[in-house]
Amino acid sequence: MPLEVFAPLASLPGVTLYSLHKGPGQAQLSGVGAALKIVDLGAELDREGDAFVDTATVMVHLDLVVSTDTAIPHLAGALGRPVWLLPPHVPDWRWGAAGEMTPWYPTMRLFRQTTPGDWPAVFARVRTTLAAFSKESTQP
């Protein structure tokens, strides 16, 4: 997924995007990621070899994790953190074929593609939902 599809989320007031990603795809952060003001934490995470210890620590301090199907949403779900998963049109078997919820992680919500490759439509729905989530999170 190209990083620029996250642009609608980056433009929301009060929303800061953090990248917990390491490895392939991280190069996008120096171009598009910089334009979207994404805070890249990837290089600082788990440098001592303890897989996901730093990543888990960061996640506990985030309001929400939004991710494609990588290890990141699994970790967030296992930690009981709110996580929104953006699976491909034909998802891995564990996400089922329909619905927004998964039996694996009660704090996870799935935002599915209705048309193969149509990430802009997915991110439009995520943006609307995130705007409401952000508003709820900031009210006293």
N, C-alpha and C. Protein backbone atom coordinates (compact mmCIF):
# COMPACT_ATOMS: atom_id res chain seq x y z
N MET A 1 0.85 -1.17 0.00
CA MET A 1 0.00 0.00 0.00
C MET A 1 0.90 1.24 0.00
N PRO A 2 0.65 2.17 -0.90
CA PRO A 2 1.45 3.39 -0.90
C PRO A 2 1.12 4.27 0.31
N LEU A 3 2.14 4.86 0.86
CA LEU A 3 1.99 5.65 2.07
C LEU A 3 1.09 6.87 1.89
N GLU A 4 1.02 7.40 0.68
CA GLU A 4 0.22 8.61 0.46
C GLU A 4 -1.27 8.40 0.74
N VAL A 5 -1.73 7.15 0.79
CA VAL A 5 -3.15 6.94 1.10
C VAL A 5 -3.49 7.33 2.54
N PHE A 6 -2.46 7.50 3.37
CA PHE A 6 -2.68 7.95 4.75
C PHE A 6 -2.91 9.46 4.85
N ALA A 7 -2.77 10.19 3.74
CA ALA A 7 -2.90 11.65 3.75
C ALA A 7 -4.20 12.14 4.38
N PRO A 8 -5.36 11.53 4.10
CA PRO A 8 -6.59 12.03 4.73
C PRO A 8 -6.56 11.97 6.26
N LEU A 9 -5.80 11.04 6.81
CA LEU A 9 -5.71 10.93 8.27
C LEU A 9 -4.77 11.99 8.84
N ALA A 10 -3.68 12.24 8.12
CA ALA A 10 -2.68 13.20 8.59
C ALA A 10 -3.23 14.62 8.65
N SER A 11 -4.26 14.90 7.86
CA SER A 11 -4.79 16.26 7.82
C SER A 11 -5.83 16.54 8.90
N LEU A 12 -6.18 15.54 9.70
CA LEU A 12 -7.17 15.76 10.76
C LEU A 12 -6.56 16.56 11.92
N PRO A 13 -7.28 17.56 12.42
CA PRO A 13 -6.77 18.32 13.56
C PRO A 13 -6.62 17.42 14.79
N GLY A 14 -5.53 17.60 15.50
CA GLY A 14 -5.29 16.85 16.73
C GLY A 14 -4.80 15.43 16.52
N VAL A 15 -4.56 15.05 15.27
CA VAL A 15 -4.09 13.69 14.97
C VAL A 15 -2.62 13.75 14.55
N THR A 16 -1.80 12.95 15.20
CA THR A 16 -0.39 12.80 14.84
C THR A 16 -0.18 11.34 14.46
N LEU A 17 0.44 11.12 13.32
CA LEU A 17 0.72 9.76 12.87
C LEU A 17 2.13 9.36 13.27
N TYR A 18 2.26 8.16 13.80
CA TYR A 18 3.55 7.60 14.18
C TYR A 18 3.75 6.32 13.38
N SER A 19 4.94 6.12 12.86
CA SER A 19 5.25 4.88 12.16
C SER A 19 6.02 3.96 13.10
N LEU A 20 5.50 2.75 13.27
CA LEU A 20 6.17 1.73 14.07
C LEU A 20 6.81 0.69 13.16
N HIS A 21 6.78 0.98 11.87
CA HIS A 21 7.23 0.02 10.85
C HIS A 21 8.75 -0.03 10.76
N LYS A 22 9.25 -1.24 10.53
CA LYS A 22 10.67 -1.45 10.31
C LYS A 22 10.83 -2.21 9.00
N GLY A 23 11.98 -2.06 8.36
CA GLY A 23 12.27 -2.87 7.18
C GLY A 23 11.68 -2.33 5.89
N PRO A 24 11.29 -3.24 4.96
CA PRO A 24 10.82 -2.83 3.64
C PRO A 24 9.66 -1.83 3.74
N GLY A 25 9.71 -0.83 2.90
CA GLY A 25 8.67 0.19 2.90
C GLY A 25 8.99 1.39 3.75
N GLN A 26 9.97 1.25 4.63
CA GLN A 26 10.31 2.35 5.52
C GLN A 26 10.91 3.53 4.74
N ALA A 27 11.47 3.26 3.57
CA ALA A 27 12.06 4.33 2.76
C ALA A 27 11.02 5.37 2.34
N GLN A 28 9.76 4.97 2.25
CA GLN A 28 8.70 5.92 1.88
C GLN A 28 8.58 7.06 2.89
N LEU A 29 9.02 6.82 4.10
CA LEU A 29 8.88 7.83 5.15
C LEU A 29 9.72 9.07 4.91
N SER A 30 10.84 8.93 4.20
CA SER A 30 11.68 10.10 3.96
C SER A 30 11.06 11.03 2.91
N GLY A 31 10.21 10.53 2.05
CA GLY A 31 9.56 11.36 1.04
C GLY A 31 8.15 11.73 1.46
N VAL A 32 7.22 10.86 1.14
CA VAL A 32 5.81 11.10 1.45
C VAL A 32 5.58 11.23 2.95
N GLY A 33 6.25 10.40 3.72
CA GLY A 33 6.08 10.43 5.17
C GLY A 33 6.44 11.78 5.76
N ALA A 34 7.50 12.38 5.24
CA ALA A 34 7.91 13.71 5.73
C ALA A 34 6.85 14.74 5.39
N ALA A 35 6.29 14.66 4.19
CA ALA A 35 5.24 15.60 3.78
C ALA A 35 4.00 15.46 4.65
N LEU A 36 3.73 14.24 5.11
CA LEU A 36 2.56 14.00 5.96
C LEU A 36 2.87 14.21 7.44
N LYS A 37 4.11 14.57 7.73
CA LYS A 37 4.57 14.80 9.11
C LYS A 37 4.40 13.56 9.98
N ILE A 38 4.72 12.41 9.40
CA ILE A 38 4.66 11.16 10.15
C ILE A 38 5.92 11.05 11.00
N VAL A 39 5.76 10.79 12.27
CA VAL A 39 6.88 10.62 13.19
C VAL A 39 7.37 9.18 13.04
N ASP A 40 8.59 9.02 12.56
CA ASP A 40 9.15 7.69 12.29
C ASP A 40 9.89 7.18 13.52
N LEU A 41 9.32 6.20 14.18
CA LEU A 41 9.96 5.60 15.36
C LEU A 41 10.67 4.29 15.03
N GLY A 42 10.48 3.79 13.81
CA GLY A 42 10.97 2.47 13.43
C GLY A 42 12.42 2.19 13.76
N ALA A 43 13.30 3.12 13.44
CA ALA A 43 14.73 2.89 13.66
C ALA A 43 15.10 2.82 15.14
N GLU A 44 14.27 3.41 15.98
CA GLU A 44 14.56 3.44 17.42
C GLU A 44 13.98 2.25 18.18
N LEU A 45 13.13 1.49 17.53
CA LEU A 45 12.42 0.41 18.22
C LEU A 45 13.20 -0.90 18.22
N ASP A 46 13.25 -1.53 19.36
CA ASP A 46 13.77 -2.90 19.49
C ASP A 46 15.18 -3.07 18.94
N ARG A 47 16.03 -2.10 19.20
CA ARG A 47 17.42 -2.17 18.72
C ARG A 47 18.26 -3.15 19.51
N GLU A 48 17.84 -3.49 20.69
CA GLU A 48 18.62 -4.39 21.54
C GLU A 48 18.34 -5.86 21.24
N GLY A 49 17.48 -6.13 20.27
CA GLY A 49 17.21 -7.50 19.88
C GLY A 49 16.02 -8.13 20.56
N ASP A 50 15.41 -7.43 21.51
CA ASP A 50 14.21 -7.95 22.17
C ASP A 50 13.00 -7.59 21.31
N ALA A 51 12.61 -8.52 20.47
CA ALA A 51 11.55 -8.26 19.50
C ALA A 51 10.28 -7.72 20.15
N PHE A 52 9.87 -6.57 19.68
CA PHE A 52 8.59 -5.95 20.04
C PHE A 52 8.48 -5.39 21.45
N VAL A 53 9.54 -5.41 22.25
CA VAL A 53 9.45 -4.86 23.60
C VAL A 53 9.24 -3.34 23.53
N ASP A 54 10.08 -2.65 22.77
CA ASP A 54 9.93 -1.20 22.63
C ASP A 54 8.63 -0.86 21.90
N THR A 55 8.32 -1.63 20.88
CA THR A 55 7.10 -1.39 20.11
C THR A 55 5.87 -1.50 21.01
N ALA A 56 5.84 -2.50 21.85
CA ALA A 56 4.72 -2.68 22.79
C ALA A 56 4.64 -1.51 23.76
N THR A 57 5.79 -1.04 24.22
CA THR A 57 5.82 0.09 25.16
C THR A 57 5.23 1.34 24.51
N VAL A 58 5.59 1.59 23.26
CA VAL A 58 5.04 2.74 22.55
C VAL A 58 3.53 2.59 22.38
N MET A 59 3.10 1.40 21.99
CA MET A 59 1.67 1.17 21.74
C MET A 59 0.79 1.47 22.94
N VAL A 60 1.29 1.19 24.13
CA VAL A 60 0.47 1.43 25.32
C VAL A 60 0.20 2.92 25.50
N HIS A 61 1.00 3.75 24.87
CA HIS A 61 0.84 5.20 25.01
C HIS A 61 0.12 5.84 23.82
N LEU A 62 -0.24 5.04 22.83
CA LEU A 62 -0.97 5.57 21.68
C LEU A 62 -2.48 5.42 21.92
N ASP A 63 -3.25 6.34 21.38
CA ASP A 63 -4.71 6.26 21.50
C ASP A 63 -5.27 5.16 20.61
N LEU A 64 -4.60 4.91 19.48
CA LEU A 64 -5.14 4.00 18.48
C LEU A 64 -4.01 3.57 17.55
N VAL A 65 -4.08 2.33 17.07
CA VAL A 65 -3.15 1.83 16.06
C VAL A 65 -3.97 1.56 14.79
N VAL A 66 -3.52 2.12 13.66
CA VAL A 66 -4.15 1.87 12.36
C VAL A 66 -3.08 1.24 11.49
N SER A 67 -3.38 0.06 10.93
CA SER A 67 -2.33 -0.67 10.21
C SER A 67 -2.91 -1.63 9.19
N THR A 68 -2.07 -1.96 8.22
CA THR A 68 -2.37 -3.07 7.33
C THR A 68 -2.03 -4.35 8.08
N ASP A 69 -2.21 -5.49 7.43
CA ASP A 69 -2.01 -6.78 8.09
C ASP A 69 -0.53 -7.12 8.21
N THR A 70 0.05 -6.69 9.32
CA THR A 70 1.45 -6.98 9.65
C THR A 70 1.46 -7.48 11.09
N ALA A 71 2.63 -7.62 11.66
CA ALA A 71 2.73 -8.02 13.06
C ALA A 71 2.21 -6.92 14.00
N ILE A 72 2.25 -5.68 13.56
CA ILE A 72 1.85 -4.54 14.40
C ILE A 72 0.41 -4.67 14.91
N PRO A 73 -0.59 -4.89 14.06
CA PRO A 73 -1.95 -4.99 14.61
C PRO A 73 -2.15 -6.22 15.50
N HIS A 74 -1.41 -7.28 15.23
CA HIS A 74 -1.50 -8.46 16.11
C HIS A 74 -1.00 -8.11 17.51
N LEU A 75 0.12 -7.40 17.58
CA LEU A 75 0.66 -7.00 18.87
C LEU A 75 -0.31 -6.06 19.59
N ALA A 76 -0.84 -5.07 18.86
CA ALA A 76 -1.79 -4.14 19.47
C ALA A 76 -3.02 -4.89 19.99
N GLY A 77 -3.53 -5.81 19.20
CA GLY A 77 -4.68 -6.60 19.63
C GLY A 77 -4.38 -7.45 20.85
N ALA A 78 -3.20 -8.07 20.86
CA ALA A 78 -2.80 -8.91 22.00
C ALA A 78 -2.64 -8.08 23.27
N LEU A 79 -2.27 -6.81 23.10
CA LEU A 79 -2.12 -5.91 24.25
C LEU A 79 -3.46 -5.29 24.67
N GLY A 80 -4.50 -5.57 23.91
CA GLY A 80 -5.81 -5.00 24.23
C GLY A 80 -5.95 -3.54 23.85
N ARG A 81 -5.08 -3.06 22.97
CA ARG A 81 -5.13 -1.67 22.53
C ARG A 81 -6.14 -1.52 21.39
N PRO A 82 -6.77 -0.37 21.27
CA PRO A 82 -7.65 -0.15 20.12
C PRO A 82 -6.83 -0.22 18.83
N VAL A 83 -7.30 -1.00 17.88
CA VAL A 83 -6.56 -1.17 16.63
C VAL A 83 -7.54 -1.31 15.48
N TRP A 84 -7.26 -0.59 14.40
CA TRP A 84 -8.06 -0.67 13.19
C TRP A 84 -7.21 -1.31 12.12
N LEU A 85 -7.67 -2.43 11.62
CA LEU A 85 -6.93 -3.19 10.61
C LEU A 85 -7.50 -2.91 9.23
N LEU A 86 -6.59 -2.71 8.27
CA LEU A 86 -6.97 -2.46 6.88
C LEU A 86 -6.49 -3.65 6.04
N PRO A 87 -7.29 -4.72 6.00
CA PRO A 87 -6.86 -5.90 5.26
C PRO A 87 -7.03 -5.71 3.75
N PRO A 88 -6.34 -6.51 2.94
CA PRO A 88 -6.56 -6.45 1.49
C PRO A 88 -7.96 -6.96 1.14
N HIS A 89 -8.37 -6.76 -0.10
CA HIS A 89 -9.71 -7.17 -0.53
C HIS A 89 -9.95 -8.65 -0.27
N VAL A 90 -8.98 -9.48 -0.57
CA VAL A 90 -9.06 -10.90 -0.23
C VAL A 90 -8.12 -11.09 0.96
N PRO A 91 -8.66 -11.06 2.17
CA PRO A 91 -7.83 -11.09 3.36
C PRO A 91 -7.34 -12.48 3.72
N ASP A 92 -6.39 -12.51 4.62
CA ASP A 92 -5.93 -13.77 5.19
C ASP A 92 -7.13 -14.44 5.86
N TRP A 93 -7.12 -15.75 5.93
CA TRP A 93 -8.26 -16.52 6.45
C TRP A 93 -8.71 -16.06 7.84
N ARG A 94 -7.77 -15.63 8.65
CA ARG A 94 -8.11 -15.31 10.05
C ARG A 94 -9.06 -14.12 10.17
N TRP A 95 -9.15 -13.28 9.13
CA TRP A 95 -10.01 -12.10 9.21
C TRP A 95 -11.40 -12.38 8.66
N GLY A 96 -11.63 -13.57 8.14
CA GLY A 96 -12.94 -13.90 7.58
C GLY A 96 -13.20 -13.12 6.31
N ALA A 97 -14.38 -13.28 5.76
CA ALA A 97 -14.72 -12.65 4.49
C ALA A 97 -15.60 -11.41 4.65
N ALA A 98 -16.15 -11.20 5.83
CA ALA A 98 -17.06 -10.07 6.03
C ALA A 98 -17.06 -9.65 7.49
N GLY A 99 -17.61 -8.47 7.71
CA GLY A 99 -17.75 -7.98 9.08
C GLY A 99 -16.61 -7.09 9.53
N GLU A 100 -16.87 -6.33 10.58
CA GLU A 100 -15.88 -5.40 11.12
C GLU A 100 -15.14 -5.94 12.33
N MET A 101 -15.62 -7.02 12.90
CA MET A 101 -15.01 -7.55 14.12
C MET A 101 -14.30 -8.87 13.84
N THR A 102 -13.44 -9.26 14.77
CA THR A 102 -12.74 -10.53 14.68
C THR A 102 -12.77 -11.20 16.05
N PRO A 103 -12.92 -12.50 16.08
CA PRO A 103 -12.93 -13.17 17.38
C PRO A 103 -11.55 -13.20 18.05
N TRP A 104 -10.52 -12.92 17.29
CA TRP A 104 -9.16 -13.02 17.83
C TRP A 104 -8.83 -11.88 18.77
N TYR A 105 -9.27 -10.67 18.42
CA TYR A 105 -8.92 -9.49 19.21
C TYR A 105 -10.17 -8.62 19.40
N PRO A 106 -10.73 -8.57 20.59
CA PRO A 106 -11.96 -7.80 20.81
C PRO A 106 -11.80 -6.29 20.62
N THR A 107 -10.58 -5.78 20.66
CA THR A 107 -10.37 -4.33 20.50
C THR A 107 -10.06 -3.95 19.06
N MET A 108 -10.14 -4.92 18.15
CA MET A 108 -9.80 -4.67 16.75
C MET A 108 -11.07 -4.46 15.92
N ARG A 109 -10.97 -3.49 15.01
CA ARG A 109 -12.04 -3.23 14.05
C ARG A 109 -11.44 -3.33 12.66
N LEU A 110 -12.13 -3.99 11.74
CA LEU A 110 -11.64 -4.15 10.38
C LEU A 110 -12.34 -3.17 9.44
N PHE A 111 -11.55 -2.51 8.61
CA PHE A 111 -12.05 -1.62 7.57
C PHE A 111 -11.72 -2.30 6.24
N ARG A 112 -12.73 -2.90 5.64
CA ARG A 112 -12.52 -3.73 4.46
C ARG A 112 -12.69 -2.95 3.15
N GLN A 113 -11.97 -3.39 2.13
CA GLN A 113 -12.16 -2.87 0.78
C GLN A 113 -13.42 -3.49 0.19
N THR A 114 -14.24 -2.68 -0.46
CA THR A 114 -15.39 -3.23 -1.18
C THR A 114 -15.02 -3.52 -2.63
N THR A 115 -13.98 -2.84 -3.11
CA THR A 115 -13.46 -3.04 -4.46
C THR A 115 -11.96 -3.30 -4.34
N PRO A 116 -11.45 -4.32 -5.03
CA PRO A 116 -10.01 -4.61 -4.93
C PRO A 116 -9.14 -3.38 -5.24
N GLY A 117 -8.21 -3.10 -4.35
CA GLY A 117 -7.25 -2.01 -4.54
C GLY A 117 -7.78 -0.62 -4.25
N ASP A 118 -9.03 -0.49 -3.83
CA ASP A 118 -9.61 0.83 -3.61
C ASP A 118 -9.32 1.33 -2.19
N TRP A 119 -8.05 1.66 -1.97
CA TRP A 119 -7.65 2.18 -0.65
C TRP A 119 -8.23 3.56 -0.36
N PRO A 120 -8.38 4.46 -1.37
CA PRO A 120 -8.97 5.77 -1.05
C PRO A 120 -10.35 5.67 -0.40
N ALA A 121 -11.18 4.73 -0.84
CA ALA A 121 -12.51 4.57 -0.23
C ALA A 121 -12.38 4.08 1.21
N VAL A 122 -11.45 3.17 1.45
CA VAL A 122 -11.22 2.67 2.81
C VAL A 122 -10.78 3.82 3.71
N PHE A 123 -9.82 4.61 3.22
CA PHE A 123 -9.30 5.71 4.04
C PHE A 123 -10.32 6.82 4.24
N ALA A 124 -11.26 6.98 3.32
CA ALA A 124 -12.34 7.95 3.54
C ALA A 124 -13.19 7.51 4.73
N ARG A 125 -13.49 6.21 4.82
CA ARG A 125 -14.26 5.69 5.96
C ARG A 125 -13.45 5.78 7.25
N VAL A 126 -12.17 5.45 7.16
CA VAL A 126 -11.32 5.53 8.35
C VAL A 126 -11.24 6.98 8.83
N ARG A 127 -11.11 7.92 7.90
CA ARG A 127 -11.00 9.33 8.27
C ARG A 127 -12.24 9.79 9.02
N THR A 128 -13.41 9.46 8.51
CA THR A 128 -14.66 9.85 9.16
C THR A 128 -14.75 9.26 10.57
N THR A 129 -14.40 7.99 10.69
CA THR A 129 -14.45 7.32 11.98
C THR A 129 -13.39 7.86 12.93
N LEU A 130 -12.21 8.16 12.40
CA LEU A 130 -11.13 8.70 13.22
C LEU A 130 -11.47 10.10 13.72
N ALA A 131 -12.12 10.90 12.89
CA ALA A 131 -12.51 12.25 13.33
C ALA A 131 -13.44 12.15 14.55
N ALA A 132 -14.38 11.22 14.51
CA ALA A 132 -15.29 11.02 15.65
C ALA A 132 -14.53 10.46 16.86
N PHE A 133 -13.64 9.51 16.62
CA PHE A 133 -12.84 8.90 17.69
C PHE A 133 -11.97 9.96 18.36
N SER A 134 -11.35 10.81 17.55
CA SER A 134 -10.47 11.86 18.07
C SER A 134 -11.27 12.86 18.91
N LYS A 135 -12.45 13.19 18.44
CA LYS A 135 -13.30 14.13 19.17
C LYS A 135 -13.69 13.54 20.53
N GLU A 136 -14.05 12.25 20.55
CA GLU A 136 -14.42 11.58 21.80
C GLU A 136 -13.23 11.50 22.75
N SER A 137 -12.05 11.24 22.20
CA SER A 137 -10.84 11.06 23.02
C SER A 137 -10.39 12.35 23.69
N THR A 138 -10.73 13.50 23.09
CA THR A 138 -10.24 14.77 23.62
C THR A 138 -11.26 15.47 24.51
N GLN A 139 -12.48 14.93 24.60
CA GLN A 139 -13.48 15.55 25.47
C GLN A 139 -13.22 15.14 26.92
N PRO A 140 -13.40 16.11 27.86
CA PRO A 140 -13.16 15.80 29.27
C PRO A 140 -14.16 14.82 29.84
